[in-house]
Amino acid sequence: MGFIIVAAAALVLALMMVLSPEIVHSALYFAGVLIAIAVLFFLMNAVYVGIIQILIYVGAVVVLILFGIMLTRRNILLG
């Protein structure tokens, strides 16, 4: 039952990520999706893969995306 709840949460977060008009919110929803996927790995007893998912993807890739967004001037993004 827990697997279905976490998978549904990952799907909702992915949908919110795609439909969000704010790019920072999309990046945070992306972090939520990656954390939900890591929880799915933990539920499947793939602990090592779940830890690597959190350390590499959530810890590095999302932070890099957020830094890239925050260092870009807003008027360039608006056109």
C-alpha atoms as a PDB file:
ATOM      1  CA  MET A   1       0.000   0.000   0.000  1.00  0.00           C
ATOM      2  CA  GLY A   2       2.865   2.373   0.795  1.00  0.00           C
ATOM      3  CA  PHE A   3       4.357   1.806  -2.661  1.00  0.00           C
ATOM      4  CA  ILE A   4       1.140   2.960  -4.340  1.00  0.00           C
ATOM      5  CA  ILE A   5       0.914   6.074  -2.166  1.00  0.00           C
ATOM      6  CA  VAL A   6       4.516   7.096  -2.848  1.00  0.00           C
ATOM      7  CA  ALA A   7       4.159   6.348  -6.561  1.00  0.00           C
ATOM      8  CA  ALA A   8       0.992   8.464  -6.713  1.00  0.00           C
ATOM      9  CA  ALA A   9       2.792  11.282  -4.898  1.00  0.00           C
ATOM     10  CA  ALA A  10       5.635  11.069  -7.432  1.00  0.00           C
ATOM     11  CA  LEU A  11       3.139  11.290 -10.290  1.00  0.00           C
ATOM     12  CA  VAL A  12       1.375  14.290  -8.750  1.00  0.00           C
ATOM     13  CA  LEU A  13       4.690  16.060  -8.159  1.00  0.00           C
ATOM     14  CA  ALA A  14       5.771  15.343 -11.733  1.00  0.00           C
ATOM     15  CA  LEU A  15       2.517  16.776 -13.043  1.00  0.00           C
ATOM     16  CA  MET A  16       2.920  19.863 -10.861  1.00  0.00           C
ATOM     17  CA  MET A  17       6.502  20.204 -12.096  1.00  0.00           C
ATOM     18  CA  VAL A  18       5.406  20.287 -15.713  1.00  0.00           C
ATOM     19  CA  LEU A  19       2.406  22.565 -15.187  1.00  0.00           C
ATOM     20  CA  SER A  20       4.015  25.103 -12.836  1.00  0.00           C
ATOM     21  CA  PRO A  21       4.505  28.554 -14.405  1.00  0.00           C
ATOM     22  CA  GLU A  22       7.352  29.418 -11.992  1.00  0.00           C
ATOM     23  CA  ILE A  23      10.697  27.831 -12.838  1.00  0.00           C
ATOM     24  CA  VAL A  24      11.907  27.759  -9.221  1.00  0.00           C
ATOM     25  CA  HIS A  25       8.770  25.912  -8.168  1.00  0.00           C
ATOM     26  CA  SER A  26       9.340  23.442 -10.998  1.00  0.00           C
ATOM     27  CA  ALA A  27      12.873  22.793  -9.746  1.00  0.00           C
ATOM     28  CA  LEU A  28      11.584  22.167  -6.215  1.00  0.00           C
ATOM     29  CA  TYR A  29       8.882  19.813  -7.525  1.00  0.00           C
ATOM     30  CA  PHE A  30      11.660  18.053  -9.452  1.00  0.00           C
ATOM     31  CA  ALA A  31      13.527  17.562  -6.161  1.00  0.00           C
ATOM     32  CA  GLY A  32      10.328  16.127  -4.676  1.00  0.00           C
ATOM     33  CA  VAL A  33       9.987  13.689  -7.568  1.00  0.00           C
ATOM     34  CA  LEU A  34      13.573  12.513  -7.124  1.00  0.00           C
ATOM     35  CA  ILE A  35      13.059  12.053  -3.377  1.00  0.00           C
ATOM     36  CA  ALA A  36       9.873  10.072  -4.031  1.00  0.00           C
ATOM     37  CA  ILE A  37      11.783   7.845  -6.444  1.00  0.00           C
ATOM     38  CA  ALA A  38      14.448   7.309  -3.776  1.00  0.00           C
ATOM     39  CA  VAL A  39      11.712   6.310  -1.314  1.00  0.00           C
ATOM     40  CA  LEU A  40      10.435   3.824  -3.898  1.00  0.00           C
ATOM     41  CA  PHE A  41      13.928   2.332  -4.059  1.00  0.00           C
ATOM     42  CA  PHE A  42      13.969   2.066  -0.258  1.00  0.00           C
ATOM     43  CA  LEU A  43      10.589   0.312  -0.320  1.00  0.00           C
ATOM     44  CA  MET A  44      11.975  -2.210  -2.820  1.00  0.00           C
ATOM     45  CA  ASN A  45      14.944  -2.911  -0.476  1.00  0.00           C
ATOM     46  CA  ALA A  46      17.411  -1.291  -2.882  1.00  0.00           C
ATOM     47  CA  VAL A  47      18.925   0.849  -0.135  1.00  0.00           C
ATOM     48  CA  TYR A  48      22.217   1.569  -1.905  1.00  0.00           C
ATOM     49  CA  VAL A  49      20.457   2.818  -5.041  1.00  0.00           C
ATOM     50  CA  GLY A  50      18.149   4.974  -2.916  1.00  0.00           C
ATOM     51  CA  ILE A  51      21.067   6.560  -1.097  1.00  0.00           C
ATOM     52  CA  ILE A  52      22.900   7.218  -4.361  1.00  0.00           C
ATOM     53  CA  GLN A  53      19.690   8.712  -5.783  1.00  0.00           C
ATOM     54  CA  ILE A  54      19.480  11.167  -2.902  1.00  0.00           C
ATOM     55  CA  LEU A  55      23.185  12.032  -2.772  1.00  0.00           C
ATOM     56  CA  ILE A  56      23.823  12.487  -6.479  1.00  0.00           C
ATOM     57  CA  TYR A  57      20.539  13.586  -8.001  1.00  0.00           C
ATOM     58  CA  VAL A  58      18.855  15.488  -5.184  1.00  0.00           C
ATOM     59  CA  GLY A  59      22.051  16.672  -3.570  1.00  0.00           C
ATOM     60  CA  ALA A  60      23.963  17.727  -6.661  1.00  0.00           C
ATOM     61  CA  VAL A  61      21.828  18.007  -9.781  1.00  0.00           C
ATOM     62  CA  VAL A  62      18.909  19.885  -8.209  1.00  0.00           C
ATOM     63  CA  VAL A  63      21.259  22.254  -6.372  1.00  0.00           C
ATOM     64  CA  LEU A  64      23.088  22.921  -9.645  1.00  0.00           C
ATOM     65  CA  ILE A  65      19.776  23.636 -11.413  1.00  0.00           C
ATOM     66  CA  LEU A  66      18.687  25.988  -8.611  1.00  0.00           C
ATOM     67  CA  PHE A  67      22.011  27.859  -8.722  1.00  0.00           C
ATOM     68  CA  GLY A  68      21.671  28.198 -12.487  1.00  0.00           C
ATOM     69  CA  ILE A  69      18.164  29.577 -12.131  1.00  0.00           C
ATOM     70  CA  MET A  70      19.081  31.993  -9.366  1.00  0.00           C
ATOM     71  CA  LEU A  71      22.168  33.317 -11.141  1.00  0.00           C
ATOM     72  CA  THR A  72      20.230  34.044 -14.319  1.00  0.00           C
ATOM     73  CA  ARG A  73      18.701  37.485 -14.488  1.00  0.00           C
ATOM     74  CA  ARG A  74      14.911  37.457 -14.505  1.00  0.00           C
ATOM     75  CA  ASN A  75      14.502  39.870 -17.446  1.00  0.00           C
ATOM     76  CA  ILE A  76      16.429  37.455 -19.695  1.00  0.00           C
ATOM     77  CA  LEU A  77      13.984  34.689 -18.827  1.00  0.00           C
ATOM     78  CA  LEU A  78      10.937  36.873 -19.494  1.00  0.00           C
ATOM     79  CA  GLY A  79      12.096  37.806 -22.976  1.00  0.00           C
END
